[in-house]
C-alpha atoms as a PDB file:
ATOM      1  CA  MET A   1     -49.802 -14.807  -3.595  1.00  0.00           C
ATOM      2  CA  PHE A   2     -45.865 -16.090  -3.695  1.00  0.00           C
ATOM      3  CA  ALA A   3     -44.919 -14.009  -6.229  1.00  0.00           C
ATOM      4  CA  LYS A   4     -46.291 -10.809  -4.486  1.00  0.00           C
ATOM      5  CA  LEU A   5     -44.574 -12.075  -1.423  1.00  0.00           C
ATOM      6  CA  LEU A   6     -40.724 -11.902  -3.538  1.00  0.00           C
ATOM      7  CA  VAL A   7     -41.873  -9.029  -5.168  1.00  0.00           C
ATOM      8  CA  VAL A   8     -42.400  -7.049  -1.802  1.00  0.00           C
ATOM      9  CA  CYS A   9     -39.083  -9.141  -0.554  1.00  0.00           C
ATOM     10  CA  ALA A  10     -36.528  -8.333  -3.558  1.00  0.00           C
ATOM     11  CA  LEU A  11     -37.992  -4.592  -3.174  1.00  0.00           C
ATOM     12  CA  ALA A  12     -37.069  -4.353   0.755  1.00  0.00           C
ATOM     13  CA  ALA A  13     -33.658  -5.768   0.035  1.00  0.00           C
ATOM     14  CA  VAL A  14     -32.896  -3.547  -2.697  1.00  0.00           C
ATOM     15  CA  ALA A  15     -33.903  -0.299  -0.785  1.00  0.00           C
ATOM     16  CA  LEU A  16     -32.208  -1.753   2.333  1.00  0.00           C
ATOM     17  CA  CYS A  17     -28.882  -2.312   0.537  1.00  0.00           C
ATOM     18  CA  ARG A  18     -26.162  -0.345   1.180  1.00  0.00           C
ATOM     19  CA  GLU A  19     -24.136   1.556  -1.362  1.00  0.00           C
ATOM     20  CA  TYR A  20     -20.453   2.252  -0.331  1.00  0.00           C
ATOM     21  CA  PRO A  21     -18.570   5.050  -1.459  1.00  0.00           C
ATOM     22  CA  ALA A  22     -15.455   5.614  -3.854  1.00  0.00           C
ATOM     23  CA  GLY A  23     -12.734   3.925  -2.219  1.00  0.00           C
ATOM     24  CA  VAL A  24     -14.587   1.770   0.403  1.00  0.00           C
ATOM     25  CA  HIS A  25     -14.379  -1.879  -0.652  1.00  0.00           C
ATOM     26  CA  PRO A  26     -16.977  -3.659   0.680  1.00  0.00           C
ATOM     27  CA  ALA A  27     -14.149  -6.823   2.322  1.00  0.00           C
ATOM     28  CA  VAL A  28     -12.261  -4.355   4.003  1.00  0.00           C
ATOM     29  CA  CYS A  29     -15.156  -2.020   5.740  1.00  0.00           C
ATOM     30  CA  PRO A  30     -18.571  -4.537   6.041  1.00  0.00           C
ATOM     31  CA  ASN A  31     -20.389  -2.547   8.628  1.00  0.00           C
ATOM     32  CA  TYR A  32     -19.913   0.778   6.728  1.00  0.00           C
ATOM     33  CA  PRO A  33     -20.861   3.778   8.132  1.00  0.00           C
ATOM     34  CA  PHE A  34     -19.098   2.416  11.504  1.00  0.00           C
ATOM     35  CA  CYS A  35     -14.922   1.658   9.522  1.00  0.00           C
ATOM     36  CA  ASP A  36     -11.908   1.346  11.613  1.00  0.00           C
ATOM     37  CA  SER A  37     -10.140   4.041   9.624  1.00  0.00           C
ATOM     38  CA  GLY A  38      -6.634   1.928   9.849  1.00  0.00           C
ATOM     39  CA  ALA A  39      -8.358  -0.879   8.075  1.00  0.00           C
ATOM     40  CA  LEU A  40      -9.303   1.570   4.989  1.00  0.00           C
ATOM     41  CA  ALA A  41      -5.183   3.155   5.436  1.00  0.00           C
ATOM     42  CA  ARG A  42      -4.052  -0.460   4.982  1.00  0.00           C
ATOM     43  CA  HIS A  43      -5.950  -1.848   2.056  1.00  0.00           C
ATOM     44  CA  THR A  44      -5.775   0.009  -1.661  1.00  0.00           C
ATOM     45  CA  PRO A  45      -9.923   1.092  -3.062  1.00  0.00           C
ATOM     46  CA  ASP A  46      -9.995  -2.361  -4.988  1.00  0.00           C
ATOM     47  CA  GLY A  47      -9.595  -3.725  -1.507  1.00  0.00           C
ATOM     48  CA  GLN A  48      -5.936  -5.337  -1.722  1.00  0.00           C
ATOM     49  CA  PRO A  49      -3.725  -5.094   1.671  1.00  0.00           C
ATOM     50  CA  ILE A  50      -0.837  -3.038   1.369  1.00  0.00           C
ATOM     51  CA  PRO A  51       2.248  -4.831   2.094  1.00  0.00           C
ATOM     52  CA  GLU A  52       4.258  -2.936   4.528  1.00  0.00           C
ATOM     53  CA  TRP A  53       7.823  -2.084   3.626  1.00  0.00           C
ATOM     54  CA  VAL A  54      10.308  -2.389   6.633  1.00  0.00           C
ATOM     55  CA  TYR A  55      13.570  -0.737   6.550  1.00  0.00           C
ATOM     56  CA  ASN A  56      16.521  -3.924   6.593  1.00  0.00           C
ATOM     57  CA  PRO A  57      19.819  -2.576   5.533  1.00  0.00           C
ATOM     58  CA  SER A  58      20.852  -6.013   4.934  1.00  0.00           C
ATOM     59  CA  VAL A  59      19.079  -6.255   1.918  1.00  0.00           C
ATOM     60  CA  LEU A  60      20.236  -3.066   0.476  1.00  0.00           C
ATOM     61  CA  PRO A  61      22.421  -3.221  -2.668  1.00  0.00           C
ATOM     62  CA  VAL A  62      26.163  -2.295  -2.025  1.00  0.00           C
ATOM     63  CA  ALA A  63      28.510  -1.407  -4.734  1.00  0.00           C
ATOM     64  CA  PRO A  64      31.399  -3.951  -5.099  1.00  0.00           C
ATOM     65  CA  VAL A  65      34.959  -3.671  -4.034  1.00  0.00           C
ATOM     66  CA  ASP A  66      37.314  -3.296  -6.183  1.00  0.00           C
ATOM     67  CA  PRO A  67      40.392  -4.826  -4.493  1.00  0.00           C
ATOM     68  CA  ALA A  68      43.188  -2.882  -6.836  1.00  0.00           C
ATOM     69  CA  HIS A  69      41.495   0.121  -5.197  1.00  0.00           C
ATOM     70  CA  ASN A  70      40.561   0.344  -1.737  1.00  0.00           C
ATOM     71  CA  ALA A  71      40.765   3.643  -0.634  1.00  0.00           C
ATOM     72  CA  ALA A  72      37.345   5.622  -0.150  1.00  0.00           C
ATOM     73  CA  PRO A  73      35.043   7.097  -3.029  1.00  0.00           C
ATOM     74  CA  ARG A  74      35.719  10.736  -4.415  1.00  0.00           C
ATOM     75  CA  TYR A  75      32.660  12.720  -4.035  1.00  0.00           C
ATOM     76  CA  PRO A  76      32.034  15.678  -6.479  1.00  0.00           C
ATOM     77  CA  ALA A  77      32.656  19.059  -4.977  1.00  0.00           C
ATOM     78  CA  ASP A  78      29.133  20.040  -3.578  1.00  0.00           C
ATOM     79  CA  PHE A  79      27.654  16.441  -2.954  1.00  0.00           C
ATOM     80  CA  PRO A  80      27.026  15.529   0.262  1.00  0.00           C
ATOM     81  CA  ALA A  81      28.191  11.534   1.105  1.00  0.00           C
ATOM     82  CA  ALA A  82      24.900  10.803   3.050  1.00  0.00           C
ATOM     83  CA  LEU A  83      22.603  10.996   0.010  1.00  0.00           C
ATOM     84  CA  CYS A  84      24.619   7.932  -2.238  1.00  0.00           C
ATOM     85  CA  PRO A  85      26.704   6.049   0.377  1.00  0.00           C
ATOM     86  CA  ASN A  86      27.774   3.960  -2.578  1.00  0.00           C
ATOM     87  CA  TYR A  87      28.862   7.101  -4.289  1.00  0.00           C
ATOM     88  CA  PRO A  88      29.186   5.833  -8.193  1.00  0.00           C
ATOM     89  CA  TYR A  89      26.461   3.250  -7.455  1.00  0.00           C
ATOM     90  CA  CYS A  90      23.787   5.212  -6.662  1.00  0.00           C
ATOM     91  CA  TRP A  91      20.516   3.499  -7.701  1.00  0.00           C
END
């Protein structure tokens, strides 16, 4: 009798389990049909959080200044200076 009850409960558990679609991790969306779209956008399909990139100009690389030549850099013709403010050192 106990074995039959165990089998019935196991079958019920398998029948009630949810299948998550590709790109939805159970840790990110535990109530699967009712997911927060913002939470899905902030995580990878593996459930890892995506770090936010913050624009911080103080950590951007700056070209070294040559004290012997304090002149402004000379850009080539038809080169927009806004694309590379530290002209010879463009990343």
